[in-house]
Amino acid sequence: MGRDLLADGLRGSADCGDVRVRSTVGRGDQAMYIVLGSPAGTASLEVPVQDVKALLETTRAVAPGGTESGPIDWDLELANLFAKG
């Protein structure tokens, strides 16, 4: 799940495919709710908002938004992928 999805979920509700996130901080709750769905079933997770905020701050310090894939050698990765066939 991407950082943008988590960040959007902190401000309200967001979804991407089979993943939905929402925060109820504005209603006094300090949790974020993550729902993972698949044809096999659904899992609901409750995560402290402070933990999500700390994760986002830490990962943004290491890789600011838009730079996540910068150090990846795409040609090498594709060659490895096709070699494993």
PDB file of N, CA and C in Angstrom:
ATOM      1  N   MET A   1       0.854  -1.160   0.000  1.00  0.00           N
ATOM      2  CA  MET A   1       0.000   0.000   0.000  1.00  0.00           C
ATOM      3  C   MET A   1       0.901   1.224   0.000  1.00  0.00           C
ATOM      4  N   GLY A   2       0.534   2.203  -0.789  1.00  0.00           N
ATOM      5  CA  GLY A   2       1.363   3.385  -0.949  1.00  0.00           C
ATOM      6  C   GLY A   2       1.211   4.398   0.164  1.00  0.00           C
ATOM      7  N   ARG A   3       2.242   5.213   0.298  1.00  0.00           N
ATOM      8  CA  ARG A   3       2.213   6.265   1.317  1.00  0.00           C
ATOM      9  C   ARG A   3       1.107   7.272   1.054  1.00  0.00           C
ATOM     10  N   ASP A   4       0.862   7.579  -0.218  1.00  0.00           N
ATOM     11  CA  ASP A   4      -0.180   8.552  -0.534  1.00  0.00           C
ATOM     12  C   ASP A   4      -1.542   8.082  -0.038  1.00  0.00           C
ATOM     13  N   LEU A   5      -1.799   6.792  -0.168  1.00  0.00           N
ATOM     14  CA  LEU A   5      -3.070   6.243   0.313  1.00  0.00           C
ATOM     15  C   LEU A   5      -3.194   6.416   1.822  1.00  0.00           C
ATOM     16  N   LEU A   6      -2.130   6.127   2.548  1.00  0.00           N
ATOM     17  CA  LEU A   6      -2.152   6.307   4.005  1.00  0.00           C
ATOM     18  C   LEU A   6      -2.336   7.778   4.372  1.00  0.00           C
ATOM     19  N   ALA A   7      -1.623   8.653   3.676  1.00  0.00           N
ATOM     20  CA  ALA A   7      -1.733  10.088   3.962  1.00  0.00           C
ATOM     21  C   ALA A   7      -3.150  10.583   3.684  1.00  0.00           C
ATOM     22  N   ASP A   8      -3.723  10.150   2.568  1.00  0.00           N
ATOM     23  CA  ASP A   8      -5.106  10.538   2.259  1.00  0.00           C
ATOM     24  C   ASP A   8      -6.064  10.008   3.319  1.00  0.00           C
ATOM     25  N   GLY A   9      -5.810   8.806   3.799  1.00  0.00           N
ATOM     26  CA  GLY A   9      -6.650   8.214   4.833  1.00  0.00           C
ATOM     27  C   GLY A   9      -6.588   8.964   6.151  1.00  0.00           C
ATOM     28  N   LEU A  10      -5.472   9.630   6.422  1.00  0.00           N
ATOM     29  CA  LEU A  10      -5.366  10.431   7.644  1.00  0.00           C
ATOM     30  C   LEU A  10      -6.287  11.649   7.595  1.00  0.00           C
ATOM     31  N   ARG A  11      -6.565  12.123   6.394  1.00  0.00           N
ATOM     32  CA  ARG A  11      -7.410  13.310   6.230  1.00  0.00           C
ATOM     33  C   ARG A  11      -8.889  12.973   6.071  1.00  0.00           C
ATOM     34  N   GLY A  12      -9.209  11.704   5.962  1.00  0.00           N
ATOM     35  CA  GLY A  12     -10.605  11.312   5.777  1.00  0.00           C
ATOM     36  C   GLY A  12     -10.681   9.871   5.335  1.00  0.00           C
ATOM     37  N   SER A  13     -11.200   9.652   4.134  1.00  0.00           N
ATOM     38  CA  SER A  13     -11.317   8.303   3.587  1.00  0.00           C
ATOM     39  C   SER A  13     -10.619   8.252   2.240  1.00  0.00           C
ATOM     40  N   ALA A  14     -10.062   7.088   1.915  1.00  0.00           N
ATOM     41  CA  ALA A  14      -9.399   6.892   0.632  1.00  0.00           C
ATOM     42  C   ALA A  14      -9.439   5.415   0.299  1.00  0.00           C
ATOM     43  N   ASP A  15      -9.370   5.110  -0.984  1.00  0.00           N
ATOM     44  CA  ASP A  15      -9.305   3.706  -1.377  1.00  0.00           C
ATOM     45  C   ASP A  15      -8.512   3.571  -2.659  1.00  0.00           C
ATOM     46  N   CYS A  16      -7.996   2.387  -2.851  1.00  0.00           N
ATOM     47  CA  CYS A  16      -7.255   2.030  -4.054  1.00  0.00           C
ATOM     48  C   CYS A  16      -7.447   0.530  -4.255  1.00  0.00           C
ATOM     49  N   GLY A  17      -8.258   0.175  -5.230  1.00  0.00           N
ATOM     50  CA  GLY A  17      -8.508  -1.241  -5.470  1.00  0.00           C
ATOM     51  C   GLY A  17      -9.190  -1.893  -4.287  1.00  0.00           C
ATOM     52  N   ASP A  18      -8.547  -2.908  -3.757  1.00  0.00           N
ATOM     53  CA  ASP A  18      -9.110  -3.676  -2.650  1.00  0.00           C
ATOM     54  C   ASP A  18      -8.701  -3.164  -1.277  1.00  0.00           C
ATOM     55  N   VAL A  19      -8.111  -1.960  -1.225  1.00  0.00           N
ATOM     56  CA  VAL A  19      -7.652  -1.390   0.045  1.00  0.00           C
ATOM     57  C   VAL A  19      -8.429  -0.099   0.311  1.00  0.00           C
ATOM     58  N   ARG A  20      -9.030  -0.022   1.495  1.00  0.00           N
ATOM     59  CA  ARG A  20      -9.738   1.184   1.923  1.00  0.00           C
ATOM     60  C   ARG A  20      -9.158   1.624   3.258  1.00  0.00           C
ATOM     61  N   VAL A  21      -8.937   2.923   3.409  1.00  0.00           N
ATOM     62  CA  VAL A  21      -8.438   3.452   4.671  1.00  0.00           C
ATOM     63  C   VAL A  21      -9.300   4.641   5.086  1.00  0.00           C
ATOM     64  N   ARG A  22      -9.441   4.810   6.384  1.00  0.00           N
ATOM     65  CA  ARG A  22     -10.169   5.964   6.901  1.00  0.00           C
ATOM     66  C   ARG A  22      -9.690   6.256   8.310  1.00  0.00           C
ATOM     67  N   SER A  23      -9.781   7.507   8.639  1.00  0.00           N
ATOM     68  CA  SER A  23      -9.418   7.953   9.977  1.00  0.00           C
ATOM     69  C   SER A  23     -10.638   8.603  10.600  1.00  0.00           C
ATOM     70  N   THR A  24     -10.781   8.439  11.877  1.00  0.00           N
ATOM     71  CA  THR A  24     -11.882   9.076  12.591  1.00  0.00           C
ATOM     72  C   THR A  24     -11.353  10.034  13.652  1.00  0.00           C
ATOM     73  N   VAL A  25     -10.163  10.587  13.399  1.00  0.00           N
ATOM     74  CA  VAL A  25      -9.544  11.491  14.359  1.00  0.00           C
ATOM     75  C   VAL A  25     -10.449  12.686  14.636  1.00  0.00           C
ATOM     76  N   GLY A  26     -11.098  13.207  13.608  1.00  0.00           N
ATOM     77  CA  GLY A  26     -11.979  14.362  13.783  1.00  0.00           C
ATOM     78  C   GLY A  26     -13.149  14.091  14.704  1.00  0.00           C
ATOM     79  N   ARG A  27     -13.444  12.827  14.943  1.00  0.00           N
ATOM     80  CA  ARG A  27     -14.548  12.463  15.842  1.00  0.00           C
ATOM     81  C   ARG A  27     -14.028  11.996  17.198  1.00  0.00           C
ATOM     82  N   GLY A  28     -12.767  12.295  17.481  1.00  0.00           N
ATOM     83  CA  GLY A  28     -12.221  11.969  18.786  1.00  0.00           C
ATOM     84  C   GLY A  28     -11.478  10.648  18.868  1.00  0.00           C
ATOM     85  N   ASP A  29     -11.537   9.832  17.836  1.00  0.00           N
ATOM     86  CA  ASP A  29     -10.842   8.547  17.811  1.00  0.00           C
ATOM     87  C   ASP A  29      -9.417   8.775  17.331  1.00  0.00           C
ATOM     88  N   GLN A  30      -8.480   8.048  17.845  1.00  0.00           N
ATOM     89  CA  GLN A  30      -7.079   8.197  17.454  1.00  0.00           C
ATOM     90  C   GLN A  30      -6.595   6.990  16.654  1.00  0.00           C
ATOM     91  N   ALA A  31      -7.487   6.412  15.859  1.00  0.00           N
ATOM     92  CA  ALA A  31      -7.136   5.222  15.086  1.00  0.00           C
ATOM     93  C   ALA A  31      -7.401   5.437  13.608  1.00  0.00           C
ATOM     94  N   MET A  32      -6.665   4.684  12.816  1.00  0.00           N
ATOM     95  CA  MET A  32      -6.915   4.600  11.385  1.00  0.00           C
ATOM     96  C   MET A  32      -7.398   3.185  11.132  1.00  0.00           C
ATOM     97  N   TYR A  33      -8.366   3.067  10.263  1.00  0.00           N
ATOM     98  CA  TYR A  33      -8.919   1.761   9.949  1.00  0.00           C
ATOM     99  C   TYR A  33      -8.560   1.403   8.510  1.00  0.00           C
ATOM    100  N   ILE A  34      -8.006   0.235   8.327  1.00  0.00           N
ATOM    101  CA  ILE A  34      -7.579  -0.250   7.021  1.00  0.00           C
ATOM    102  C   ILE A  34      -8.363  -1.531   6.744  1.00  0.00           C
ATOM    103  N   VAL A  35      -9.014  -1.570   5.602  1.00  0.00           N
ATOM    104  CA  VAL A  35      -9.787  -2.749   5.206  1.00  0.00           C
ATOM    105  C   VAL A  35      -9.168  -3.301   3.934  1.00  0.00           C
ATOM    106  N   LEU A  36      -8.747  -4.555   3.992  1.00  0.00           N
ATOM    107  CA  LEU A  36      -8.155  -5.252   2.853  1.00  0.00           C
ATOM    108  C   LEU A  36      -9.166  -6.272   2.364  1.00  0.00           C
ATOM    109  N   GLY A  37      -9.546  -6.190   1.101  1.00  0.00           N
ATOM    110  CA  GLY A  37     -10.539  -7.110   0.575  1.00  0.00           C
ATOM    111  C   GLY A  37      -9.982  -7.966  -0.541  1.00  0.00           C
ATOM    112  N   SER A  38     -10.516  -9.137  -0.685  1.00  0.00           N
ATOM    113  CA  SER A  38     -10.168 -10.042  -1.772  1.00  0.00           C
ATOM    114  C   SER A  38     -11.329 -11.006  -1.963  1.00  0.00           C
ATOM    115  N   PRO A  39     -11.316 -11.752  -3.064  1.00  0.00           N
ATOM    116  CA  PRO A  39     -12.386 -12.738  -3.240  1.00  0.00           C
ATOM    117  C   PRO A  39     -12.435 -13.768  -2.107  1.00  0.00           C
ATOM    118  N   ALA A  40     -11.304 -13.980  -1.441  1.00  0.00           N
ATOM    119  CA  ALA A  40     -11.243 -14.969  -0.363  1.00  0.00           C
ATOM    120  C   ALA A  40     -11.784 -14.442   0.964  1.00  0.00           C
ATOM    121  N   GLY A  41     -11.927 -13.109   1.080  1.00  0.00           N
ATOM    122  CA  GLY A  41     -12.420 -12.561   2.332  1.00  0.00           C
ATOM    123  C   GLY A  41     -11.927 -11.150   2.568  1.00  0.00           C
ATOM    124  N   THR A  42     -12.163 -10.677   3.766  1.00  0.00           N
ATOM    125  CA  THR A  42     -11.830  -9.308   4.141  1.00  0.00           C
ATOM    126  C   THR A  42     -11.106  -9.307   5.487  1.00  0.00           C
ATOM    127  N   ALA A  43     -10.113  -8.428   5.593  1.00  0.00           N
ATOM    128  CA  ALA A  43      -9.423  -8.237   6.869  1.00  0.00           C
ATOM    129  C   ALA A  43      -9.556  -6.767   7.251  1.00  0.00           C
ATOM    130  N   SER A  44      -9.901  -6.515   8.497  1.00  0.00           N
ATOM    131  CA  SER A  44     -10.018  -5.149   9.008  1.00  0.00           C
ATOM    132  C   SER A  44      -8.940  -4.928  10.059  1.00  0.00           C
ATOM    133  N   LEU A  45      -8.195  -3.857   9.888  1.00  0.00           N
ATOM    134  CA  LEU A  45      -7.094  -3.543  10.792  1.00  0.00           C
ATOM    135  C   LEU A  45      -7.341  -2.194  11.449  1.00  0.00           C
ATOM    136  N   GLU A  46      -6.973  -2.077  12.703  1.00  0.00           N
ATOM    137  CA  GLU A  46      -7.029  -0.812  13.426  1.00  0.00           C
ATOM    138  C   GLU A  46      -5.608  -0.454  13.818  1.00  0.00           C
ATOM    139  N   VAL A  47      -5.160   0.729  13.388  1.00  0.00           N
ATOM    140  CA  VAL A  47      -3.777   1.150  13.602  1.00  0.00           C
ATOM    141  C   VAL A  47      -3.787   2.513  14.292  1.00  0.00           C
ATOM    142  N   PRO A  48      -2.972   2.714  15.315  1.00  0.00           N
ATOM    143  CA  PRO A  48      -2.904   4.032  15.943  1.00  0.00           C
ATOM    144  C   PRO A  48      -2.437   5.102  14.938  1.00  0.00           C
ATOM    145  N   VAL A  49      -3.135   6.213  14.898  1.00  0.00           N
ATOM    146  CA  VAL A  49      -2.808   7.300  13.976  1.00  0.00           C
ATOM    147  C   VAL A  49      -1.370   7.770  14.183  1.00  0.00           C
ATOM    148  N   GLN A  50      -0.923   7.835  15.420  1.00  0.00           N
ATOM    149  CA  GLN A  50       0.451   8.300  15.682  1.00  0.00           C
ATOM    150  C   GLN A  50       1.475   7.387  15.016  1.00  0.00           C
ATOM    151  N   ASP A  51       1.216   6.092  14.967  1.00  0.00           N
ATOM    152  CA  ASP A  51       2.137   5.161  14.309  1.00  0.00           C
ATOM    153  C   ASP A  51       2.181   5.399  12.805  1.00  0.00           C
ATOM    154  N   VAL A  52       1.021   5.672  12.211  1.00  0.00           N
ATOM    155  CA  VAL A  52       0.972   5.945  10.768  1.00  0.00           C
ATOM    156  C   VAL A  52       1.709   7.246  10.465  1.00  0.00           C
ATOM    157  N   LYS A  53       1.482   8.262  11.278  1.00  0.00           N
ATOM    158  CA  LYS A  53       2.176   9.544  11.077  1.00  0.00           C
ATOM    159  C   LYS A  53       3.690   9.370  11.200  1.00  0.00           C
ATOM    160  N   ALA A  54       4.137   8.603  12.186  1.00  0.00           N
ATOM    161  CA  ALA A  54       5.578   8.369  12.372  1.00  0.00           C
ATOM    162  C   ALA A  54       6.159   7.613  11.173  1.00  0.00           C
ATOM    163  N   LEU A  55       5.437   6.614  10.683  1.00  0.00           N
ATOM    164  CA  LEU A  55       5.888   5.871   9.508  1.00  0.00           C
ATOM    165  C   LEU A  55       6.035   6.798   8.309  1.00  0.00           C
ATOM    166  N   LEU A  56       5.034   7.634   8.069  1.00  0.00           N
ATOM    167  CA  LEU A  56       5.088   8.547   6.934  1.00  0.00           C
ATOM    168  C   LEU A  56       6.237   9.541   7.062  1.00  0.00           C
ATOM    169  N   GLU A  57       6.444  10.090   8.239  1.00  0.00           N
ATOM    170  CA  GLU A  57       7.546  11.033   8.457  1.00  0.00           C
ATOM    171  C   GLU A  57       8.898  10.364   8.214  1.00  0.00           C
ATOM    172  N   THR A  58       9.072   9.163   8.727  1.00  0.00           N
ATOM    173  CA  THR A  58      10.342   8.447   8.582  1.00  0.00           C
ATOM    174  C   THR A  58      10.618   8.096   7.131  1.00  0.00           C
ATOM    175  N   THR A  59       9.609   7.558   6.443  1.00  0.00           N
ATOM    176  CA  THR A  59       9.845   7.155   5.056  1.00  0.00           C
ATOM    177  C   THR A  59      10.041   8.369   4.148  1.00  0.00           C
ATOM    178  N   ARG A  60       9.375   9.478   4.433  1.00  0.00           N
ATOM    179  CA  ARG A  60       9.576  10.695   3.630  1.00  0.00           C
ATOM    180  C   ARG A  60      10.960  11.287   3.855  1.00  0.00           C
ATOM    181  N   ALA A  61      11.510  11.109   5.038  1.00  0.00           N
ATOM    182  CA  ALA A  61      12.864  11.590   5.304  1.00  0.00           C
ATOM    183  C   ALA A  61      13.882  10.791   4.487  1.00  0.00           C
ATOM    184  N   VAL A  62      13.631   9.493   4.322  1.00  0.00           N
ATOM    185  CA  VAL A  62      14.528   8.618   3.567  1.00  0.00           C
ATOM    186  C   VAL A  62      14.338   8.793   2.067  1.00  0.00           C
ATOM    187  N   ALA A  63      13.073   8.865   1.633  1.00  0.00           N
ATOM    188  CA  ALA A  63      12.753   8.983   0.209  1.00  0.00           C
ATOM    189  C   ALA A  63      11.597   9.964   0.057  1.00  0.00           C
ATOM    190  N   PRO A  64      11.909  11.242  -0.221  1.00  0.00           N
ATOM    191  CA  PRO A  64      10.839  12.218  -0.396  1.00  0.00           C
ATOM    192  C   PRO A  64       9.892  11.811  -1.524  1.00  0.00           C
ATOM    193  N   GLY A  65       8.669  12.309  -1.454  1.00  0.00           N
ATOM    194  CA  GLY A  65       7.670  11.978  -2.463  1.00  0.00           C
ATOM    195  C   GLY A  65       8.182  12.218  -3.879  1.00  0.00           C
ATOM    196  N   GLY A  66       7.937  11.283  -4.757  1.00  0.00           N
ATOM    197  CA  GLY A  66       8.368  11.379  -6.141  1.00  0.00           C
ATOM    198  C   GLY A  66       9.751  10.837  -6.416  1.00  0.00           C
ATOM    199  N   THR A  67      10.488  10.472  -5.357  1.00  0.00           N
ATOM    200  CA  THR A  67      11.858   9.970  -5.546  1.00  0.00           C
ATOM    201  C   THR A  67      11.996   8.489  -5.224  1.00  0.00           C
ATOM    202  N   GLU A  68      10.886   7.839  -4.915  1.00  0.00           N
ATOM    203  CA  GLU A  68      10.935   6.459  -4.438  1.00  0.00           C
ATOM    204  C   GLU A  68      11.637   5.507  -5.409  1.00  0.00           C
ATOM    205  N   SER A  69      11.419   5.678  -6.690  1.00  0.00           N
ATOM    206  CA  SER A  69      11.982   4.727  -7.653  1.00  0.00           C
ATOM    207  C   SER A  69      13.299   5.209  -8.258  1.00  0.00           C
ATOM    208  N   GLY A  70      13.807   6.348  -7.816  1.00  0.00           N
ATOM    209  CA  GLY A  70      15.038   6.904  -8.371  1.00  0.00           C
ATOM    210  C   GLY A  70      16.233   5.962  -8.360  1.00  0.00           C
ATOM    211  N   PRO A  71      16.524   5.277  -7.251  1.00  0.00           N
ATOM    212  CA  PRO A  71      17.709   4.420  -7.207  1.00  0.00           C
ATOM    213  C   PRO A  71      17.543   3.057  -7.869  1.00  0.00           C
ATOM    214  N   ILE A  72      16.394   2.777  -8.447  1.00  0.00           N
ATOM    215  CA  ILE A  72      16.160   1.466  -9.051  1.00  0.00           C
ATOM    216  C   ILE A  72      16.714   1.438 -10.472  1.00  0.00           C
ATOM    217  N   ASP A  73      17.501   0.437 -10.775  1.00  0.00           N
ATOM    218  CA  ASP A  73      18.008   0.213 -12.129  1.00  0.00           C
ATOM    219  C   ASP A  73      16.970  -0.642 -12.855  1.00  0.00           C
ATOM    220  N   TRP A  74      16.037  -0.005 -13.560  1.00  0.00           N
ATOM    221  CA  TRP A  74      14.920  -0.703 -14.185  1.00  0.00           C
ATOM    222  C   TRP A  74      15.371  -1.721 -15.218  1.00  0.00           C
ATOM    223  N   ASP A  75      16.415  -1.400 -15.997  1.00  0.00           N
ATOM    224  CA  ASP A  75      16.903  -2.357 -16.995  1.00  0.00           C
ATOM    225  C   ASP A  75      17.393  -3.636 -16.327  1.00  0.00           C
ATOM    226  N   LEU A  76      18.145  -3.489 -15.252  1.00  0.00           N
ATOM    227  CA  LEU A  76      18.646  -4.655 -14.517  1.00  0.00           C
ATOM    228  C   LEU A  76      17.492  -5.452 -13.910  1.00  0.00           C
ATOM    229  N   GLU A  77      16.538  -4.770 -13.304  1.00  0.00           N
ATOM    230  CA  GLU A  77      15.397  -5.446 -12.693  1.00  0.00           C
ATOM    231  C   GLU A  77      14.585  -6.221 -13.743  1.00  0.00           C
ATOM    232  N   LEU A  78      14.358  -5.620 -14.899  1.00  0.00           N
ATOM    233  CA  LEU A  78      13.622  -6.317 -15.960  1.00  0.00           C
ATOM    234  C   LEU A  78      14.407  -7.503 -16.478  1.00  0.00           C
ATOM    235  N   ALA A  79      15.729  -7.342 -16.638  1.00  0.00           N
ATOM    236  CA  ALA A  79      16.563  -8.465 -17.085  1.00  0.00           C
ATOM    237  C   ALA A  79      16.489  -9.625 -16.094  1.00  0.00           C
ATOM    238  N   ASN A  80      16.537  -9.307 -14.793  1.00  0.00           N
ATOM    239  CA  ASN A  80      16.425 -10.351 -13.760  1.00  0.00           C
ATOM    240  C   ASN A  80      15.070 -11.022 -13.795  1.00  0.00           C
ATOM    241  N   LEU A  81      14.029 -10.234 -13.994  1.00  0.00           N
ATOM    242  CA  LEU A  81      12.680 -10.772 -14.031  1.00  0.00           C
ATOM    243  C   LEU A  81      12.517 -11.741 -15.212  1.00  0.00           C
ATOM    244  N   PHE A  82      12.981 -11.323 -16.394  1.00  0.00           N
ATOM    245  CA  PHE A  82      12.840 -12.167 -17.573  1.00  0.00           C
ATOM    246  C   PHE A  82      13.761 -13.384 -17.521  1.00  0.00           C
ATOM    247  N   ALA A  83      14.890 -13.265 -16.847  1.00  0.00           N
ATOM    248  CA  ALA A  83      15.814 -14.399 -16.721  1.00  0.00           C
ATOM    249  C   ALA A  83      15.199 -15.512 -15.866  1.00  0.00           C
ATOM    250  N   LYS A  84      14.352 -15.121 -14.921  1.00  0.00           N
ATOM    251  CA  LYS A  84      13.702 -16.092 -14.038  1.00  0.00           C
ATOM    252  C   LYS A  84      12.494 -16.709 -14.716  1.00  0.00           C
ATOM    253  N   GLY A  85      12.065 -16.105 -15.832  1.00  0.00           N
ATOM    254  CA  GLY A  85      11.020 -16.548 -16.705  1.00  0.00           C
ATOM    255  C   GLY A  85       9.851 -17.178 -16.183  1.00  0.00           C
TER     256      GLY A  85
END
